[in-house]
Amino acid sequence: MSLKVSSEAIAVPVPSVTRSATGAWCDLFKARLTTLVLMTAAVGYFFAESGVFRGWQFLNLMAGTALLAAGAAALNQYLEREYDARMHRTASRPLPSGAIEPAVALWVGVSISVIGMLQLTFLVNALTGLLGMFTLASYVFIYTPMKRWTTLNTLVGAVPGALPPLMGWTAATGSLGAGGWALFTILFFWQIPHFMAIAWIYRDDYARGGFRMLPTMDEGGRRTGVAAVRHSVALLAFSLSPFAMGMAGRWYASVALLLGLGFLVGAIRFAATLGHSAARQLFFASIIYLPLTLGALLADKKTSPNPNPPLSSLPSSRVASVQTPFILSQ
């Protein structure tokens, strides 16, 4: 499970021969990226929560999501270890550098992924567990191999990257809802310009690794710039949906509009110049945009009675009637 967000700094890292065991495992689990996944899942939970905080349920959501995200990161690196070794920015990762044996990474990745899915399914609710399973499967078995086949991988990878806040919503409510899907769309459209900036800076490195990212296949950069602008426009529109649905107030709408316009300006500047400086500015704008927008959403959410109690509080006859979601990937 992963948001499509860079866990490395913009500057190309220099591979290090020495590495602490703790640092190697943090890199394998993409600790910073996993933290971001947990943040978005927590936002989904607290956005849906209607005043009755269930601490045990929330802790299991966080723990299960962390295990699932860390396991997905480990399995992703296991599958890409040969390709990572070709790239300057990833050659120092635990598997290419030899800090962790591939068989160990595979065993640990599978084990903690299974534990995370079981924890979400039985200690949170079945729907959240199902979304977690879909997130893991789509990230590891669809998005990861697609990176070597087609430039559409970024759109497909944005789906599992946008599911953690929806998982937080279902953990709190026991069902899918408009608010959860609103968060999903914000995360989905945010990822595209964010990643276009990263992939443009590292396009030669991605090509060296054999990854078919849009910037590596787009020599002039026009399609890359258009993708960044197009999805920034969509992000601006969908970020206002919580206000339009009456789930957030005017203060949030003002913040989302201001931040969205700033993000769009950065995307337009990037598309116009296609320079590294503009790409870095867009990258950092995306890093600033997400926590500020989500924070404003939580601060200005409209509280209302929760019409969808958690599955754990429903009679078994009603639990059985919960609809299973079918997610369509682009």
C-alpha atoms as a PDB file:
ATOM      1  CA  MET A   1       0.000   0.000   0.000  1.00  0.00           C
ATOM      2  CA  SER A   2       1.389   3.262  -0.955  1.00  0.00           C
ATOM      3  CA  LEU A   3       0.647   6.706  -1.856  1.00  0.00           C
ATOM      4  CA  LYS A   4       2.559   7.570  -4.983  1.00  0.00           C
ATOM      5  CA  VAL A   5       4.739  10.061  -3.233  1.00  0.00           C
ATOM      6  CA  SER A   6       8.514  10.185  -3.178  1.00  0.00           C
ATOM      7  CA  SER A   7      10.114   8.862   0.010  1.00  0.00           C
ATOM      8  CA  GLU A   8      13.515  10.110  -1.095  1.00  0.00           C
ATOM      9  CA  ALA A   9      14.810  13.662  -1.122  1.00  0.00           C
ATOM     10  CA  ILE A  10      14.888  15.527  -4.421  1.00  0.00           C
ATOM     11  CA  ALA A  11      18.674  15.519  -4.454  1.00  0.00           C
ATOM     12  CA  VAL A  12      20.120  12.266  -5.817  1.00  0.00           C
ATOM     13  CA  PRO A  13      21.423  10.255  -2.861  1.00  0.00           C
ATOM     14  CA  VAL A  14      24.930   8.845  -2.872  1.00  0.00           C
ATOM     15  CA  PRO A  15      24.893   5.093  -2.165  1.00  0.00           C
ATOM     16  CA  SER A  16      26.354   4.311   1.226  1.00  0.00           C
ATOM     17  CA  VAL A  17      28.369   1.221   1.983  1.00  0.00           C
ATOM     18  CA  THR A  18      27.609   1.268   5.697  1.00  0.00           C
ATOM     19  CA  ARG A  19      24.026   1.207   6.919  1.00  0.00           C
ATOM     20  CA  SER A  20      22.564   0.631  10.345  1.00  0.00           C
ATOM     21  CA  ALA A  21      20.164  -2.270  10.718  1.00  0.00           C
ATOM     22  CA  THR A  22      17.432   0.088  11.888  1.00  0.00           C
ATOM     23  CA  GLY A  23      17.973   2.382   8.921  1.00  0.00           C
ATOM     24  CA  ALA A  24      17.857  -0.546   6.497  1.00  0.00           C
ATOM     25  CA  TRP A  25      14.516  -1.776   7.848  1.00  0.00           C
ATOM     26  CA  CYS A  26      13.091   1.753   7.860  1.00  0.00           C
ATOM     27  CA  ASP A  27      14.096   2.057   4.210  1.00  0.00           C
ATOM     28  CA  LEU A  28      12.599  -1.337   3.368  1.00  0.00           C
ATOM     29  CA  PHE A  29       9.299  -0.325   4.968  1.00  0.00           C
ATOM     30  CA  LYS A  30       9.534   3.207   3.507  1.00  0.00           C
ATOM     31  CA  ALA A  31       8.926   4.669   6.959  1.00  0.00           C
ATOM     32  CA  ARG A  32       8.241   8.229   5.803  1.00  0.00           C
ATOM     33  CA  LEU A  33       5.831   7.036   3.143  1.00  0.00           C
ATOM     34  CA  THR A  34       4.094   4.713   5.602  1.00  0.00           C
ATOM     35  CA  THR A  35       3.699   7.659   7.972  1.00  0.00           C
ATOM     36  CA  LEU A  36       1.936   9.610   5.215  1.00  0.00           C
ATOM     37  CA  VAL A  37      -0.368   6.647   4.561  1.00  0.00           C
ATOM     38  CA  LEU A  38      -1.257   6.556   8.260  1.00  0.00           C
ATOM     39  CA  MET A  39      -1.907  10.294   8.260  1.00  0.00           C
ATOM     40  CA  THR A  40      -4.407  10.046   5.411  1.00  0.00           C
ATOM     41  CA  ALA A  41      -6.131   7.023   6.974  1.00  0.00           C
ATOM     42  CA  ALA A  42      -6.449   8.956  10.239  1.00  0.00           C
ATOM     43  CA  VAL A  43      -7.925  11.930   8.379  1.00  0.00           C
ATOM     44  CA  GLY A  44     -10.553   9.635   6.861  1.00  0.00           C
ATOM     45  CA  TYR A  45     -11.409   8.233  10.289  1.00  0.00           C
ATOM     46  CA  PHE A  46     -11.726  11.580  12.054  1.00  0.00           C
ATOM     47  CA  PHE A  47     -13.589  13.146   9.130  1.00  0.00           C
ATOM     48  CA  ALA A  48     -16.208  10.393   9.430  1.00  0.00           C
ATOM     49  CA  GLU A  49     -16.189  10.158  13.240  1.00  0.00           C
ATOM     50  CA  SER A  50     -19.253  11.823  14.744  1.00  0.00           C
ATOM     51  CA  GLY A  51     -18.202  12.495  18.315  1.00  0.00           C
ATOM     52  CA  VAL A  52     -17.871   8.975  19.731  1.00  0.00           C
ATOM     53  CA  PHE A  53     -14.180   8.169  19.569  1.00  0.00           C
ATOM     54  CA  ARG A  54     -13.469   4.420  19.675  1.00  0.00           C
ATOM     55  CA  GLY A  55      -9.853   4.325  20.728  1.00  0.00           C
ATOM     56  CA  TRP A  56      -9.367   0.557  20.407  1.00  0.00           C
ATOM     57  CA  GLN A  57     -10.821   0.532  16.912  1.00  0.00           C
ATOM     58  CA  PHE A  58      -8.677   3.489  15.855  1.00  0.00           C
ATOM     59  CA  LEU A  59      -5.512   1.887  17.225  1.00  0.00           C
ATOM     60  CA  ASN A  60      -6.241  -1.292  15.272  1.00  0.00           C
ATOM     61  CA  LEU A  61      -6.863   0.770  12.136  1.00  0.00           C
ATOM     62  CA  MET A  62      -3.483   2.463  12.549  1.00  0.00           C
ATOM     63  CA  ALA A  63      -1.608  -0.734  13.390  1.00  0.00           C
ATOM     64  CA  GLY A  64      -3.213  -2.801  10.622  1.00  0.00           C
ATOM     65  CA  THR A  65      -2.708  -0.076   8.036  1.00  0.00           C
ATOM     66  CA  ALA A  66       0.926   0.380   9.096  1.00  0.00           C
ATOM     67  CA  LEU A  67       1.610  -3.348   8.733  1.00  0.00           C
ATOM     68  CA  LEU A  68      -0.108  -3.448   5.358  1.00  0.00           C
ATOM     69  CA  ALA A  69       1.733  -0.376   4.061  1.00  0.00           C
ATOM     70  CA  ALA A  70       5.100  -1.608   5.322  1.00  0.00           C
ATOM     71  CA  GLY A  71       4.479  -5.051   3.844  1.00  0.00           C
ATOM     72  CA  ALA A  72       3.514  -3.564   0.473  1.00  0.00           C
ATOM     73  CA  ALA A  73       6.673  -1.458   0.465  1.00  0.00           C
ATOM     74  CA  ALA A  74       8.824  -4.508   1.212  1.00  0.00           C
ATOM     75  CA  LEU A  75       7.152  -6.609  -1.490  1.00  0.00           C
ATOM     76  CA  ASN A  76       7.447  -3.772  -4.001  1.00  0.00           C
ATOM     77  CA  GLN A  77      11.181  -3.514  -3.361  1.00  0.00           C
ATOM     78  CA  TYR A  78      11.563  -7.292  -3.539  1.00  0.00           C
ATOM     79  CA  LEU A  79       9.978  -7.351  -7.003  1.00  0.00           C
ATOM     80  CA  GLU A  80      11.971  -4.341  -8.212  1.00  0.00           C
ATOM     81  CA  ARG A  81      15.345  -5.119  -6.615  1.00  0.00           C
ATOM     82  CA  GLU A  82      17.124  -5.748  -9.938  1.00  0.00           C
ATOM     83  CA  TYR A  83      15.731  -2.555 -11.471  1.00  0.00           C
ATOM     84  CA  ASP A  84      16.474  -0.496  -8.360  1.00  0.00           C
ATOM     85  CA  ALA A  85      20.115  -1.549  -8.614  1.00  0.00           C
ATOM     86  CA  ARG A  86      20.389   0.239 -11.990  1.00  0.00           C
ATOM     87  CA  MET A  87      19.166   3.596 -10.705  1.00  0.00           C
ATOM     88  CA  HIS A  88      21.276   6.128  -8.820  1.00  0.00           C
ATOM     89  CA  ARG A  89      18.405   7.170  -6.534  1.00  0.00           C
ATOM     90  CA  THR A  90      17.539   3.612  -5.468  1.00  0.00           C
ATOM     91  CA  ALA A  91      20.862   1.731  -5.669  1.00  0.00           C
ATOM     92  CA  SER A  92      21.409   2.247  -1.935  1.00  0.00           C
ATOM     93  CA  ARG A  93      18.112   0.639  -0.948  1.00  0.00           C
ATOM     94  CA  PRO A  94      18.411  -2.387   1.377  1.00  0.00           C
ATOM     95  CA  LEU A  95      18.056  -5.107  -1.274  1.00  0.00           C
ATOM     96  CA  PRO A  96      20.322  -3.737  -4.043  1.00  0.00           C
ATOM     97  CA  SER A  97      22.940  -2.759  -1.465  1.00  0.00           C
ATOM     98  CA  GLY A  98      22.848  -6.180   0.221  1.00  0.00           C
ATOM     99  CA  ALA A  99      21.836  -4.808   3.633  1.00  0.00           C
ATOM    100  CA  ILE A 100      18.851  -7.190   3.720  1.00  0.00           C
ATOM    101  CA  GLU A 101      18.595 -10.540   1.946  1.00  0.00           C
ATOM    102  CA  PRO A 102      15.799 -10.767  -0.665  1.00  0.00           C
ATOM    103  CA  ALA A 103      14.377 -13.947   0.880  1.00  0.00           C
ATOM    104  CA  VAL A 104      14.145 -12.228   4.269  1.00  0.00           C
ATOM    105  CA  ALA A 105      12.408  -9.205   2.737  1.00  0.00           C
ATOM    106  CA  LEU A 106       9.929 -11.485   0.955  1.00  0.00           C
ATOM    107  CA  TRP A 107       9.138 -13.496   4.084  1.00  0.00           C
ATOM    108  CA  VAL A 108       8.733 -10.418   6.258  1.00  0.00           C
ATOM    109  CA  GLY A 109       6.692  -8.563   3.629  1.00  0.00           C
ATOM    110  CA  VAL A 110       4.235 -11.433   3.196  1.00  0.00           C
ATOM    111  CA  SER A 111       3.978 -12.054   6.954  1.00  0.00           C
ATOM    112  CA  ILE A 112       3.230  -8.508   8.064  1.00  0.00           C
ATOM    113  CA  SER A 113       0.865  -7.968   5.129  1.00  0.00           C
ATOM    114  CA  VAL A 114      -1.191 -10.980   6.163  1.00  0.00           C
ATOM    115  CA  ILE A 115      -1.190  -9.891   9.815  1.00  0.00           C
ATOM    116  CA  GLY A 116      -2.265  -6.384   8.811  1.00  0.00           C
ATOM    117  CA  MET A 117      -5.143  -7.666   6.672  1.00  0.00           C
ATOM    118  CA  LEU A 118      -6.337  -9.979   9.445  1.00  0.00           C
ATOM    119  CA  GLN A 119      -6.148  -7.175  11.989  1.00  0.00           C
ATOM    120  CA  LEU A 120      -8.173  -4.808   9.805  1.00  0.00           C
ATOM    121  CA  THR A 121     -10.736  -7.507   8.971  1.00  0.00           C
ATOM    122  CA  PHE A 122     -11.384  -8.909  12.434  1.00  0.00           C
ATOM    123  CA  LEU A 123     -10.499  -6.029  14.779  1.00  0.00           C
ATOM    124  CA  VAL A 124     -11.830  -3.116  12.689  1.00  0.00           C
ATOM    125  CA  ASN A 125     -14.422  -4.422  10.222  1.00  0.00           C
ATOM    126  CA  ALA A 126     -14.666  -6.628   7.152  1.00  0.00           C
ATOM    127  CA  LEU A 127     -15.119  -3.776   4.683  1.00  0.00           C
ATOM    128  CA  THR A 128     -11.930  -2.018   5.804  1.00  0.00           C
ATOM    129  CA  GLY A 129     -10.071  -5.321   5.578  1.00  0.00           C
ATOM    130  CA  LEU A 130     -11.392  -5.865   2.058  1.00  0.00           C
ATOM    131  CA  LEU A 131     -10.265  -2.390   0.984  1.00  0.00           C
ATOM    132  CA  GLY A 132      -6.861  -3.102   2.537  1.00  0.00           C
ATOM    133  CA  MET A 133      -6.567  -6.336   0.562  1.00  0.00           C
ATOM    134  CA  PHE A 134      -7.508  -4.574  -2.656  1.00  0.00           C
ATOM    135  CA  THR A 135      -5.003  -1.802  -1.948  1.00  0.00           C
ATOM    136  CA  LEU A 136      -2.178  -4.280  -1.374  1.00  0.00           C
ATOM    137  CA  ALA A 137      -3.032  -6.437  -4.385  1.00  0.00           C
ATOM    138  CA  SER A 138      -3.445  -3.534  -6.808  1.00  0.00           C
ATOM    139  CA  TYR A 139      -0.211  -1.896  -5.664  1.00  0.00           C
ATOM    140  CA  VAL A 140       1.997  -5.004  -5.626  1.00  0.00           C
ATOM    141  CA  PHE A 141       0.527  -7.135  -8.405  1.00  0.00           C
ATOM    142  CA  ILE A 142      -0.871  -4.535 -10.833  1.00  0.00           C
ATOM    143  CA  TYR A 143       0.896  -1.194 -10.434  1.00  0.00           C
ATOM    144  CA  THR A 144       4.387  -2.573  -9.735  1.00  0.00           C
ATOM    145  CA  PRO A 145       4.690  -4.701 -12.922  1.00  0.00           C
ATOM    146  CA  MET A 146       2.844  -2.072 -15.003  1.00  0.00           C
ATOM    147  CA  LYS A 147       5.710   0.358 -14.393  1.00  0.00           C
ATOM    148  CA  ARG A 148       7.711  -1.678 -16.911  1.00  0.00           C
ATOM    149  CA  TRP A 149       4.876  -2.050 -19.444  1.00  0.00           C
ATOM    150  CA  THR A 150       2.955   1.171 -19.924  1.00  0.00           C
ATOM    151  CA  THR A 151       2.902   4.853 -18.999  1.00  0.00           C
ATOM    152  CA  LEU A 152      -0.641   4.322 -17.648  1.00  0.00           C
ATOM    153  CA  ASN A 153       0.953   2.896 -14.510  1.00  0.00           C
ATOM    154  CA  THR A 154       0.788   6.286 -12.769  1.00  0.00           C
ATOM    155  CA  LEU A 155      -2.998   6.500 -13.097  1.00  0.00           C
ATOM    156  CA  VAL A 156      -3.424   2.901 -11.951  1.00  0.00           C
ATOM    157  CA  GLY A 157      -1.021   3.384  -9.047  1.00  0.00           C
ATOM    158  CA  ALA A 158      -2.951   6.430  -7.884  1.00  0.00           C
ATOM    159  CA  VAL A 159      -5.919   4.179  -7.025  1.00  0.00           C
ATOM    160  CA  PRO A 160      -4.269   2.241  -4.159  1.00  0.00           C
ATOM    161  CA  GLY A 161      -2.551   5.460  -3.149  1.00  0.00           C
ATOM    162  CA  ALA A 162      -5.941   7.126  -2.663  1.00  0.00           C
ATOM    163  CA  LEU A 163      -7.624   4.302  -0.733  1.00  0.00           C
ATOM    164  CA  PRO A 164      -6.172   4.803   2.808  1.00  0.00           C
ATOM    165  CA  PRO A 165      -8.490   7.750   3.671  1.00  0.00           C
ATOM    166  CA  LEU A 166     -11.437   5.716   2.386  1.00  0.00           C
ATOM    167  CA  MET A 167     -10.302   2.895   4.675  1.00  0.00           C
ATOM    168  CA  GLY A 168     -10.303   5.364   7.560  1.00  0.00           C
ATOM    169  CA  TRP A 169     -13.855   6.377   6.645  1.00  0.00           C
ATOM    170  CA  THR A 170     -15.089   2.772   6.519  1.00  0.00           C
ATOM    171  CA  ALA A 171     -13.361   2.015   9.823  1.00  0.00           C
ATOM    172  CA  ALA A 172     -15.418   4.751  11.492  1.00  0.00           C
ATOM    173  CA  THR A 173     -18.725   4.162   9.714  1.00  0.00           C
ATOM    174  CA  GLY A 174     -18.755   0.530   8.589  1.00  0.00           C
ATOM    175  CA  SER A 175     -19.777   1.550   5.063  1.00  0.00           C
ATOM    176  CA  LEU A 176     -18.737   3.558   2.046  1.00  0.00           C
ATOM    177  CA  GLY A 177     -19.978   7.126   1.906  1.00  0.00           C
ATOM    178  CA  ALA A 178     -19.770  10.366  -0.042  1.00  0.00           C
ATOM    179  CA  GLY A 179     -17.266  11.871   2.381  1.00  0.00           C
ATOM    180  CA  GLY A 180     -14.920   8.924   1.990  1.00  0.00           C
ATOM    181  CA  TRP A 181     -15.097   9.117  -1.790  1.00  0.00           C
ATOM    182  CA  ALA A 182     -14.448  12.864  -1.625  1.00  0.00           C
ATOM    183  CA  LEU A 183     -11.196  12.169   0.223  1.00  0.00           C
ATOM    184  CA  PHE A 184     -10.365   9.435  -2.291  1.00  0.00           C
ATOM    185  CA  THR A 185     -10.686  11.850  -5.226  1.00  0.00           C
ATOM    186  CA  ILE A 186      -8.553  14.507  -3.517  1.00  0.00           C
ATOM    187  CA  LEU A 187      -5.759  11.987  -2.932  1.00  0.00           C
ATOM    188  CA  PHE A 188      -6.120  10.505  -6.414  1.00  0.00           C
ATOM    189  CA  PHE A 189      -5.803  13.765  -8.333  1.00  0.00           C
ATOM    190  CA  TRP A 190      -3.114  15.137  -5.999  1.00  0.00           C
ATOM    191  CA  GLN A 191      -0.770  12.255  -6.782  1.00  0.00           C
ATOM    192  CA  ILE A 192      -0.510  12.865 -10.529  1.00  0.00           C
ATOM    193  CA  PRO A 193       1.114  16.344 -10.607  1.00  0.00           C
ATOM    194  CA  HIS A 194       3.139  15.370  -7.535  1.00  0.00           C
ATOM    195  CA  PHE A 195       4.599  12.375  -9.324  1.00  0.00           C
ATOM    196  CA  MET A 196       4.970  14.101 -12.701  1.00  0.00           C
ATOM    197  CA  ALA A 197       7.336  16.559 -11.012  1.00  0.00           C
ATOM    198  CA  ILE A 198       9.404  13.761  -9.460  1.00  0.00           C
ATOM    199  CA  ALA A 199       9.482  11.619 -12.602  1.00  0.00           C
ATOM    200  CA  TRP A 200      10.512  14.589 -14.764  1.00  0.00           C
ATOM    201  CA  ILE A 201      13.513  15.294 -12.538  1.00  0.00           C
ATOM    202  CA  TYR A 202      14.503  11.609 -12.508  1.00  0.00           C
ATOM    203  CA  ARG A 203      13.418  10.703 -16.032  1.00  0.00           C
ATOM    204  CA  ASP A 204      16.907   9.590 -17.092  1.00  0.00           C
ATOM    205  CA  ASP A 205      17.229   7.474 -13.960  1.00  0.00           C
ATOM    206  CA  TYR A 206      13.824   5.868 -14.529  1.00  0.00           C
ATOM    207  CA  ALA A 207      14.816   5.097 -18.109  1.00  0.00           C
ATOM    208  CA  ARG A 208      18.029   3.519 -16.839  1.00  0.00           C
ATOM    209  CA  GLY A 209      15.973   1.305 -14.543  1.00  0.00           C
ATOM    210  CA  GLY A 210      13.641   0.229 -17.329  1.00  0.00           C
ATOM    211  CA  PHE A 211      10.523   1.965 -15.999  1.00  0.00           C
ATOM    212  CA  ARG A 212       8.067   3.332 -18.562  1.00  0.00           C
ATOM    213  CA  MET A 213       7.035   6.489 -16.731  1.00  0.00           C
ATOM    214  CA  LEU A 214       5.362   9.143 -18.875  1.00  0.00           C
ATOM    215  CA  PRO A 215       8.318  11.608 -18.607  1.00  0.00           C
ATOM    216  CA  THR A 216      10.758   8.909 -19.783  1.00  0.00           C
ATOM    217  CA  MET A 217       8.659   8.300 -22.911  1.00  0.00           C
ATOM    218  CA  ASP A 218       7.692  11.945 -23.498  1.00  0.00           C
ATOM    219  CA  GLU A 219      10.787  13.482 -25.073  1.00  0.00           C
ATOM    220  CA  GLY A 220       9.456  17.009 -25.433  1.00  0.00           C
ATOM    221  CA  GLY A 221       7.602  16.930 -22.115  1.00  0.00           C
ATOM    222  CA  ARG A 222       4.327  18.283 -23.497  1.00  0.00           C
ATOM    223  CA  ARG A 223       2.174  15.349 -22.336  1.00  0.00           C
ATOM    224  CA  THR A 224       3.854  15.419 -18.935  1.00  0.00           C
ATOM    225  CA  GLY A 225       3.057  19.094 -18.466  1.00  0.00           C
ATOM    226  CA  VAL A 226      -0.515  18.688 -19.702  1.00  0.00           C
ATOM    227  CA  ALA A 227      -1.064  15.778 -17.271  1.00  0.00           C
ATOM    228  CA  ALA A 228       0.168  17.886 -14.364  1.00  0.00           C
ATOM    229  CA  VAL A 229      -2.089  20.814 -15.256  1.00  0.00           C
ATOM    230  CA  ARG A 230      -5.135  18.697 -16.084  1.00  0.00           C
ATOM    231  CA  HIS A 231      -5.065  16.837 -12.779  1.00  0.00           C
ATOM    232  CA  SER A 232      -4.342  20.013 -10.821  1.00  0.00           C
ATOM    233  CA  VAL A 233      -7.540  21.504 -12.281  1.00  0.00           C
ATOM    234  CA  ALA A 234      -9.449  18.353 -11.300  1.00  0.00           C
ATOM    235  CA  LEU A 235      -7.898  18.503  -7.823  1.00  0.00           C
ATOM    236  CA  LEU A 236      -9.048  22.097  -7.388  1.00  0.00           C
ATOM    237  CA  ALA A 237     -12.600  21.161  -8.357  1.00  0.00           C
ATOM    238  CA  PHE A 238     -12.868  17.992  -6.284  1.00  0.00           C
ATOM    239  CA  SER A 239     -11.238  19.568  -3.238  1.00  0.00           C
ATOM    240  CA  LEU A 240     -14.345  21.757  -2.965  1.00  0.00           C
ATOM    241  CA  SER A 241     -16.714  18.761  -2.927  1.00  0.00           C
ATOM    242  CA  PRO A 242     -16.797  18.441   0.901  1.00  0.00           C
ATOM    243  CA  PHE A 243     -18.056  22.033   1.040  1.00  0.00           C
ATOM    244  CA  ALA A 244     -20.545  21.439  -1.786  1.00  0.00           C
ATOM    245  CA  MET A 245     -21.907  18.400   0.076  1.00  0.00           C
ATOM    246  CA  GLY A 246     -22.271  20.368   3.286  1.00  0.00           C
ATOM    247  CA  MET A 247     -19.608  18.352   5.093  1.00  0.00           C
ATOM    248  CA  ALA A 248     -17.200  21.276   5.570  1.00  0.00           C
ATOM    249  CA  GLY A 249     -17.621  25.020   6.054  1.00  0.00           C
ATOM    250  CA  ARG A 250     -16.694  28.131   4.154  1.00  0.00           C
ATOM    251  CA  TRP A 251     -13.359  28.484   5.911  1.00  0.00           C
ATOM    252  CA  TYR A 252     -12.284  25.125   4.507  1.00  0.00           C
ATOM    253  CA  ALA A 253     -13.564  26.098   1.056  1.00  0.00           C
ATOM    254  CA  SER A 254     -11.500  29.287   1.162  1.00  0.00           C
ATOM    255  CA  VAL A 255      -8.354  27.421   2.200  1.00  0.00           C
ATOM    256  CA  ALA A 256      -8.879  24.688  -0.408  1.00  0.00           C
ATOM    257  CA  LEU A 257      -9.497  27.261  -3.132  1.00  0.00           C
ATOM    258  CA  LEU A 258      -6.416  29.288  -2.224  1.00  0.00           C
ATOM    259  CA  LEU A 259      -4.126  26.258  -1.964  1.00  0.00           C
ATOM    260  CA  GLY A 260      -5.598  24.692  -5.094  1.00  0.00           C
ATOM    261  CA  LEU A 261      -5.007  27.820  -7.137  1.00  0.00           C
ATOM    262  CA  GLY A 262      -1.434  28.023  -5.880  1.00  0.00           C
ATOM    263  CA  PHE A 263      -0.897  24.370  -6.787  1.00  0.00           C
ATOM    264  CA  LEU A 264      -2.380  24.980 -10.238  1.00  0.00           C
ATOM    265  CA  VAL A 265      -0.088  27.960 -10.830  1.00  0.00           C
ATOM    266  CA  GLY A 266       2.875  25.729  -9.983  1.00  0.00           C
ATOM    267  CA  ALA A 267       1.669  23.085 -12.438  1.00  0.00           C
ATOM    268  CA  ILE A 268       1.184  25.681 -15.191  1.00  0.00           C
ATOM    269  CA  ARG A 269       4.672  27.083 -14.599  1.00  0.00           C
ATOM    270  CA  PHE A 270       6.095  23.559 -14.753  1.00  0.00           C
ATOM    271  CA  ALA A 271       4.245  22.797 -18.000  1.00  0.00           C
ATOM    272  CA  ALA A 272       5.404  26.061 -19.531  1.00  0.00           C
ATOM    273  CA  THR A 273       9.106  25.740 -18.708  1.00  0.00           C
ATOM    274  CA  LEU A 274       9.686  22.013 -18.048  1.00  0.00           C
ATOM    275  CA  GLY A 275      12.738  23.016 -16.055  1.00  0.00           C
ATOM    276  CA  HIS A 276      14.138  21.263 -12.998  1.00  0.00           C
ATOM    277  CA  SER A 277      13.569  24.358 -10.896  1.00  0.00           C
ATOM    278  CA  ALA A 278       9.872  24.472 -11.790  1.00  0.00           C
ATOM    279  CA  ALA A 279       9.567  20.717 -11.197  1.00  0.00           C
ATOM    280  CA  ARG A 280      11.106  21.091  -7.736  1.00  0.00           C
ATOM    281  CA  GLN A 281       8.765  23.957  -6.945  1.00  0.00           C
ATOM    282  CA  LEU A 282       5.768  21.848  -7.976  1.00  0.00           C
ATOM    283  CA  PHE A 283       7.037  18.957  -5.874  1.00  0.00           C
ATOM    284  CA  PHE A 284       7.397  21.095  -2.763  1.00  0.00           C
ATOM    285  CA  ALA A 285       4.039  22.776  -3.452  1.00  0.00           C
ATOM    286  CA  SER A 286       2.443  19.320  -3.425  1.00  0.00           C
ATOM    287  CA  ILE A 287       4.101  18.492  -0.106  1.00  0.00           C
ATOM    288  CA  ILE A 288       2.742  21.710   1.409  1.00  0.00           C
ATOM    289  CA  TYR A 289      -0.698  21.367  -0.166  1.00  0.00           C
ATOM    290  CA  LEU A 290      -1.769  18.004   1.216  1.00  0.00           C
ATOM    291  CA  PRO A 291      -1.366  18.422   5.010  1.00  0.00           C
ATOM    292  CA  LEU A 292      -2.715  21.984   4.945  1.00  0.00           C
ATOM    293  CA  THR A 293      -5.797  21.020   2.939  1.00  0.00           C
ATOM    294  CA  LEU A 294      -6.568  17.926   5.001  1.00  0.00           C
ATOM    295  CA  GLY A 295      -5.903  19.795   8.229  1.00  0.00           C
ATOM    296  CA  ALA A 296      -8.327  22.557   7.211  1.00  0.00           C
ATOM    297  CA  LEU A 297     -10.914  19.931   6.325  1.00  0.00           C
ATOM    298  CA  LEU A 298     -10.776  18.374   9.782  1.00  0.00           C
ATOM    299  CA  ALA A 299     -10.762  21.762  11.501  1.00  0.00           C
ATOM    300  CA  ASP A 300     -13.878  22.939   9.666  1.00  0.00           C
ATOM    301  CA  LYS A 301     -15.860  19.723   9.252  1.00  0.00           C
ATOM    302  CA  LYS A 302     -19.571  19.802   9.966  1.00  0.00           C
ATOM    303  CA  THR A 303     -20.444  17.337  12.712  1.00  0.00           C
ATOM    304  CA  SER A 304     -23.632  15.361  12.303  1.00  0.00           C
ATOM    305  CA  PRO A 305     -25.067  12.130  13.699  1.00  0.00           C
ATOM    306  CA  ASN A 306     -23.334   9.114  12.230  1.00  0.00           C
ATOM    307  CA  PRO A 307     -25.876   7.232  10.093  1.00  0.00           C
ATOM    308  CA  ASN A 308     -23.497   4.327   9.561  1.00  0.00           C
ATOM    309  CA  PRO A 309     -22.339   2.752  12.819  1.00  0.00           C
ATOM    310  CA  PRO A 310     -19.244   0.531  12.738  1.00  0.00           C
ATOM    311  CA  LEU A 311     -19.841  -3.079  11.734  1.00  0.00           C
ATOM    312  CA  SER A 312     -18.608  -4.200  15.142  1.00  0.00           C
ATOM    313  CA  SER A 313     -21.693  -2.565  16.697  1.00  0.00           C
ATOM    314  CA  LEU A 314     -24.227  -4.081  14.278  1.00  0.00           C
ATOM    315  CA  PRO A 315     -26.146  -7.321  14.750  1.00  0.00           C
ATOM    316  CA  SER A 316     -24.740 -10.210  12.751  1.00  0.00           C
ATOM    317  CA  SER A 317     -27.762 -10.182  10.431  1.00  0.00           C
ATOM    318  CA  ARG A 318     -26.991  -6.610   9.370  1.00  0.00           C
ATOM    319  CA  VAL A 319     -23.264  -7.234   9.034  1.00  0.00           C
ATOM    320  CA  ALA A 320     -24.029  -9.898   6.450  1.00  0.00           C
ATOM    321  CA  SER A 321     -26.022  -7.414   4.377  1.00  0.00           C
ATOM    322  CA  VAL A 322     -23.187  -4.929   3.880  1.00  0.00           C
ATOM    323  CA  GLN A 323     -22.456  -4.432   0.185  1.00  0.00           C
ATOM    324  CA  THR A 324     -18.975  -5.250  -1.081  1.00  0.00           C
ATOM    325  CA  PRO A 325     -17.387  -2.444  -3.150  1.00  0.00           C
ATOM    326  CA  PHE A 326     -16.116  -3.028  -6.656  1.00  0.00           C
ATOM    327  CA  ILE A 327     -13.307  -0.608  -7.515  1.00  0.00           C
ATOM    328  CA  LEU A 328     -12.671   0.167 -11.168  1.00  0.00           C
ATOM    329  CA  SER A 329      -9.119   1.176 -12.089  1.00  0.00           C
ATOM    330  CA  GLN A 330      -8.338   3.416 -15.006  1.00  0.00           C
END
